[in-house]
Amino acid sequence: MRIEVNGDAREVTGATVAAALEELGWREARVATALNGAFVPKAARADTRLTAGDRLEVLAPMQGG
């Protein structure tokens, strides 16, 4: 299905946020996720279903000073 990931159209086969993250190479990454503007906690990713046209944001923490 085609979804938007961080502003880019992407084709994914995973049906959940967790499956899409794994498919996109973020399986082990420590990231924050939002689906259509709503925060998705790590514990809910495996149960949060995707549909065509969804907007997934994946954000990594930044360090600096």
C-alpha atoms as a PDB file:
ATOM      1  CA  MET A   1       0.000   0.000   0.000  1.00  0.00           C
ATOM      2  CA  ARG A   2       1.140   3.562  -0.564  1.00  0.00           C
ATOM      3  CA  ILE A   3       1.611   5.725   2.537  1.00  0.00           C
ATOM      4  CA  GLU A   4       3.508   8.925   3.233  1.00  0.00           C
ATOM      5  CA  VAL A   5       6.578   8.535   5.439  1.00  0.00           C
ATOM      6  CA  ASN A   6       8.195  11.749   6.660  1.00  0.00           C
ATOM      7  CA  GLY A   7       6.695  13.589   3.701  1.00  0.00           C
ATOM      8  CA  ASP A   8       7.749  11.052   1.027  1.00  0.00           C
ATOM      9  CA  ALA A   9       5.410   8.629  -0.720  1.00  0.00           C
ATOM     10  CA  ARG A  10       6.483   5.057   0.050  1.00  0.00           C
ATOM     11  CA  GLU A  11       5.150   1.644  -0.863  1.00  0.00           C
ATOM     12  CA  VAL A  12       4.934  -0.760   2.111  1.00  0.00           C
ATOM     13  CA  THR A  13       3.495  -4.227   2.558  1.00  0.00           C
ATOM     14  CA  GLY A  14       3.279  -4.132   6.368  1.00  0.00           C
ATOM     15  CA  ALA A  15      -0.233  -3.716   7.753  1.00  0.00           C
ATOM     16  CA  THR A  16       0.804  -2.125  11.075  1.00  0.00           C
ATOM     17  CA  VAL A  17       3.085   0.673  12.184  1.00  0.00           C
ATOM     18  CA  ALA A  18       5.511  -1.886  13.665  1.00  0.00           C
ATOM     19  CA  ALA A  19       5.628  -3.911  10.435  1.00  0.00           C
ATOM     20  CA  ALA A  20       6.199  -0.775   8.347  1.00  0.00           C
ATOM     21  CA  LEU A  21       9.018   0.365  10.642  1.00  0.00           C
ATOM     22  CA  GLU A  22      10.714  -3.005  10.266  1.00  0.00           C
ATOM     23  CA  GLU A  23      10.276  -2.948   6.504  1.00  0.00           C
ATOM     24  CA  LEU A  24      11.692   0.588   6.292  1.00  0.00           C
ATOM     25  CA  GLY A  25      14.785  -0.314   8.334  1.00  0.00           C
ATOM     26  CA  TRP A  26      13.811   1.215  11.676  1.00  0.00           C
ATOM     27  CA  ARG A  27      13.236  -2.076  13.523  1.00  0.00           C
ATOM     28  CA  GLU A  28      15.877  -1.541  16.206  1.00  0.00           C
ATOM     29  CA  ALA A  29      15.966   2.255  16.101  1.00  0.00           C
ATOM     30  CA  ARG A  30      14.819   4.331  19.050  1.00  0.00           C
ATOM     31  CA  VAL A  31      12.252   6.550  17.397  1.00  0.00           C
ATOM     32  CA  ALA A  32       9.007   8.353  18.104  1.00  0.00           C
ATOM     33  CA  THR A  33       6.110   7.733  15.753  1.00  0.00           C
ATOM     34  CA  ALA A  34       2.958   9.590  14.776  1.00  0.00           C
ATOM     35  CA  LEU A  35       0.216   8.396  12.463  1.00  0.00           C
ATOM     36  CA  ASN A  36      -1.894  11.071  10.793  1.00  0.00           C
ATOM     37  CA  GLY A  37      -0.710  13.553  13.409  1.00  0.00           C
ATOM     38  CA  ALA A  38      -1.457  11.395  16.468  1.00  0.00           C
ATOM     39  CA  PHE A  39       1.385  10.055  18.629  1.00  0.00           C
ATOM     40  CA  VAL A  40       1.692   6.247  18.554  1.00  0.00           C
ATOM     41  CA  PRO A  41       3.475   4.842  21.641  1.00  0.00           C
ATOM     42  CA  LYS A  42       5.942   1.999  21.075  1.00  0.00           C
ATOM     43  CA  ALA A  43       3.664  -0.439  22.907  1.00  0.00           C
ATOM     44  CA  ALA A  44       0.795   0.319  20.498  1.00  0.00           C
ATOM     45  CA  ARG A  45       2.709   0.073  17.193  1.00  0.00           C
ATOM     46  CA  ALA A  46       2.029  -3.629  16.628  1.00  0.00           C
ATOM     47  CA  ASP A  47      -1.726  -3.040  17.028  1.00  0.00           C
ATOM     48  CA  THR A  48      -1.955   0.222  15.070  1.00  0.00           C
ATOM     49  CA  ARG A  49      -3.165  -0.610  11.564  1.00  0.00           C
ATOM     50  CA  LEU A  50      -2.175   1.283   8.449  1.00  0.00           C
ATOM     51  CA  THR A  51      -4.408   2.141   5.515  1.00  0.00           C
ATOM     52  CA  ALA A  52      -3.512   3.501   2.108  1.00  0.00           C
ATOM     53  CA  GLY A  53      -2.880   7.236   2.222  1.00  0.00           C
ATOM     54  CA  ASP A  54      -1.864   7.348   5.897  1.00  0.00           C
ATOM     55  CA  ARG A  55       0.845   9.803   6.968  1.00  0.00           C
ATOM     56  CA  LEU A  56       3.522   8.225   9.171  1.00  0.00           C
ATOM     57  CA  GLU A  57       6.113  10.425  10.864  1.00  0.00           C
ATOM     58  CA  VAL A  58       9.220   8.798  12.304  1.00  0.00           C
ATOM     59  CA  LEU A  59      11.442  10.989  14.465  1.00  0.00           C
ATOM     60  CA  ALA A  60      14.787  10.121  16.016  1.00  0.00           C
ATOM     61  CA  PRO A  61      15.990  11.908  19.166  1.00  0.00           C
ATOM     62  CA  MET A  62      18.768  14.419  18.624  1.00  0.00           C
ATOM     63  CA  GLN A  63      21.618  15.261  20.951  1.00  0.00           C
ATOM     64  CA  GLY A  64      23.480  18.485  21.061  1.00  0.00           C
ATOM     65  CA  GLY A  65      24.077  21.519  23.051  1.00  0.00           C
END
